[in-house]
Amino acid sequence: MTDSVNIIPVNIEEEIRQSYMDYAMSVIIGRALPDVRDGLKPVQRRILYAMRELGLSPNSRHLKSAKVVGECMGNYHPHGDQALYGTMVRMAQPFS
């Protein structure tokens, strides 16, 4: 039982360069650029959705930011709390 394996020689430097560029572009398009439909980045959308699920609105009770971050991180954004806190601060600042 001899299976022929197609091994294609590649230049490792070029392969790594291309793989990194593909990954970087997917991150930029998927996470760093706002969506054209609503102008929100994915992390902003997750925070707003978590706040909606907690019943938060301009007229609702006060809730600590740790509760919002915990809800968001636990259900929608398992990448750590620092990105969430920073995003919440930027979302609360007035546009300039």
C-alpha atoms as a PDB file:
ATOM      1  CA  MET A   1       0.000   0.000   0.000  1.00  0.00           C
ATOM      2  CA  THR A   2       1.931   2.942  -1.271  1.00  0.00           C
ATOM      3  CA  ASP A   3       0.237   6.309  -1.252  1.00  0.00           C
ATOM      4  CA  SER A   4       1.915   8.954  -3.284  1.00  0.00           C
ATOM      5  CA  VAL A   5       2.322  12.155  -1.328  1.00  0.00           C
ATOM      6  CA  ASN A   6       2.528  15.391  -3.230  1.00  0.00           C
ATOM      7  CA  ILE A   7       5.174  17.479  -1.532  1.00  0.00           C
ATOM      8  CA  ILE A   8       5.595  20.877  -3.069  1.00  0.00           C
ATOM      9  CA  PRO A   9       8.823  22.707  -2.251  1.00  0.00           C
ATOM     10  CA  VAL A  10       8.203  26.294  -1.121  1.00  0.00           C
ATOM     11  CA  ASN A  11      10.339  29.201  -0.033  1.00  0.00           C
ATOM     12  CA  ILE A  12       9.730  29.324   3.730  1.00  0.00           C
ATOM     13  CA  GLU A  13      10.406  33.060   3.966  1.00  0.00           C
ATOM     14  CA  GLU A  14       7.839  33.879   1.292  1.00  0.00           C
ATOM     15  CA  GLU A  15       5.309  31.432   2.746  1.00  0.00           C
ATOM     16  CA  ILE A  16       5.584  32.975   6.227  1.00  0.00           C
ATOM     17  CA  ARG A  17       5.361  36.499   4.806  1.00  0.00           C
ATOM     18  CA  GLN A  18       2.218  35.648   2.819  1.00  0.00           C
ATOM     19  CA  SER A  19       0.600  33.771   5.716  1.00  0.00           C
ATOM     20  CA  TYR A  20       1.219  36.688   8.075  1.00  0.00           C
ATOM     21  CA  MET A  21      -0.232  39.187   5.594  1.00  0.00           C
ATOM     22  CA  ASP A  22      -3.321  37.014   5.110  1.00  0.00           C
ATOM     23  CA  TYR A  23      -3.813  36.795   8.877  1.00  0.00           C
ATOM     24  CA  ALA A  24      -3.206  40.524   9.412  1.00  0.00           C
ATOM     25  CA  MET A  25      -5.721  41.458   6.733  1.00  0.00           C
ATOM     26  CA  SER A  26      -8.341  39.125   8.194  1.00  0.00           C
ATOM     27  CA  VAL A  27      -7.865  40.734  11.633  1.00  0.00           C
ATOM     28  CA  ILE A  28      -8.074  44.251  10.204  1.00  0.00           C
ATOM     29  CA  ILE A  29     -11.200  43.492   8.209  1.00  0.00           C
ATOM     30  CA  GLY A  30     -12.845  41.332  10.873  1.00  0.00           C
ATOM     31  CA  ARG A  31     -12.078  43.295  14.043  1.00  0.00           C
ATOM     32  CA  ALA A  32     -10.383  46.641  13.529  1.00  0.00           C
ATOM     33  CA  LEU A  33     -12.571  48.282  10.897  1.00  0.00           C
ATOM     34  CA  PRO A  34     -16.121  49.387  11.725  1.00  0.00           C
ATOM     35  CA  ASP A  35     -18.914  47.614   9.876  1.00  0.00           C
ATOM     36  CA  VAL A  36     -20.404  49.669   7.062  1.00  0.00           C
ATOM     37  CA  ARG A  37     -23.970  48.763   8.146  1.00  0.00           C
ATOM     38  CA  ASP A  38     -23.905  50.344  11.603  1.00  0.00           C
ATOM     39  CA  GLY A  39     -20.441  51.870  12.091  1.00  0.00           C
ATOM     40  CA  LEU A  40     -19.629  49.579  15.026  1.00  0.00           C
ATOM     41  CA  LYS A  41     -16.657  47.328  15.581  1.00  0.00           C
ATOM     42  CA  PRO A  42     -17.462  43.770  16.731  1.00  0.00           C
ATOM     43  CA  VAL A  43     -16.391  44.462  20.325  1.00  0.00           C
ATOM     44  CA  GLN A  44     -18.650  47.541  20.472  1.00  0.00           C
ATOM     45  CA  ARG A  45     -21.578  45.535  19.130  1.00  0.00           C
ATOM     46  CA  ARG A  46     -20.966  42.815  21.742  1.00  0.00           C
ATOM     47  CA  ILE A  47     -20.920  45.360  24.570  1.00  0.00           C
ATOM     48  CA  LEU A  48     -24.160  46.975  23.427  1.00  0.00           C
ATOM     49  CA  TYR A  49     -25.815  43.577  23.064  1.00  0.00           C
ATOM     50  CA  ALA A  50     -24.691  42.535  26.557  1.00  0.00           C
ATOM     51  CA  MET A  51     -26.065  45.806  27.943  1.00  0.00           C
ATOM     52  CA  ARG A  52     -29.371  45.152  26.189  1.00  0.00           C
ATOM     53  CA  GLU A  53     -29.494  41.636  27.630  1.00  0.00           C
ATOM     54  CA  LEU A  54     -28.931  43.121  31.111  1.00  0.00           C
ATOM     55  CA  GLY A  55     -31.878  45.452  30.558  1.00  0.00           C
ATOM     56  CA  LEU A  56     -29.776  48.609  30.547  1.00  0.00           C
ATOM     57  CA  SER A  57     -31.094  51.754  28.913  1.00  0.00           C
ATOM     58  CA  PRO A  58     -30.725  55.487  29.554  1.00  0.00           C
ATOM     59  CA  ASN A  59     -33.687  55.289  31.951  1.00  0.00           C
ATOM     60  CA  SER A  60     -32.672  52.124  33.818  1.00  0.00           C
ATOM     61  CA  ARG A  61     -30.862  51.707  37.109  1.00  0.00           C
ATOM     62  CA  HIS A  62     -27.126  52.270  37.562  1.00  0.00           C
ATOM     63  CA  LEU A  63     -24.959  49.203  37.022  1.00  0.00           C
ATOM     64  CA  LYS A  64     -21.232  48.859  37.590  1.00  0.00           C
ATOM     65  CA  SER A  65     -19.071  48.499  34.509  1.00  0.00           C
ATOM     66  CA  ALA A  66     -17.617  45.252  35.886  1.00  0.00           C
ATOM     67  CA  LYS A  67     -21.067  43.655  35.566  1.00  0.00           C
ATOM     68  CA  VAL A  68     -21.322  44.701  31.912  1.00  0.00           C
ATOM     69  CA  VAL A  69     -17.763  43.549  31.182  1.00  0.00           C
ATOM     70  CA  GLY A  70     -18.345  40.242  32.970  1.00  0.00           C
ATOM     71  CA  GLU A  71     -21.572  39.613  31.065  1.00  0.00           C
ATOM     72  CA  CYS A  72     -19.949  40.483  27.756  1.00  0.00           C
ATOM     73  CA  MET A  73     -16.753  38.536  28.400  1.00  0.00           C
ATOM     74  CA  GLY A  74     -18.605  35.502  29.710  1.00  0.00           C
ATOM     75  CA  ASN A  75     -21.068  35.253  26.849  1.00  0.00           C
ATOM     76  CA  TYR A  76     -19.732  37.012  23.781  1.00  0.00           C
ATOM     77  CA  HIS A  77     -16.088  38.148  23.992  1.00  0.00           C
ATOM     78  CA  PRO A  78     -13.705  35.608  25.593  1.00  0.00           C
ATOM     79  CA  HIS A  79     -10.551  37.651  24.962  1.00  0.00           C
ATOM     80  CA  GLY A  80      -9.983  39.388  28.296  1.00  0.00           C
ATOM     81  CA  ASP A  81     -11.395  42.415  30.027  1.00  0.00           C
ATOM     82  CA  GLN A  82      -8.878  45.114  29.047  1.00  0.00           C
ATOM     83  CA  ALA A  83     -10.187  45.428  25.493  1.00  0.00           C
ATOM     84  CA  LEU A  84     -13.729  45.682  26.837  1.00  0.00           C
ATOM     85  CA  TYR A  85     -12.957  48.365  29.437  1.00  0.00           C
ATOM     86  CA  GLY A  86     -11.016  50.430  26.888  1.00  0.00           C
ATOM     87  CA  THR A  87     -13.810  50.143  24.363  1.00  0.00           C
ATOM     88  CA  MET A  88     -16.437  51.161  26.920  1.00  0.00           C
ATOM     89  CA  VAL A  89     -14.414  54.257  27.826  1.00  0.00           C
ATOM     90  CA  ARG A  90     -14.051  55.257  24.176  1.00  0.00           C
ATOM     91  CA  MET A  91     -17.764  54.660  23.549  1.00  0.00           C
ATOM     92  CA  ALA A  92     -18.687  56.951  26.464  1.00  0.00           C
ATOM     93  CA  GLN A  93     -16.555  59.868  25.253  1.00  0.00           C
ATOM     94  CA  PRO A  94     -18.098  62.548  23.056  1.00  0.00           C
ATOM     95  CA  PHE A  95     -17.211  62.536  19.367  1.00  0.00           C
ATOM     96  CA  SER A  96     -14.681  65.119  18.248  1.00  0.00           C
END
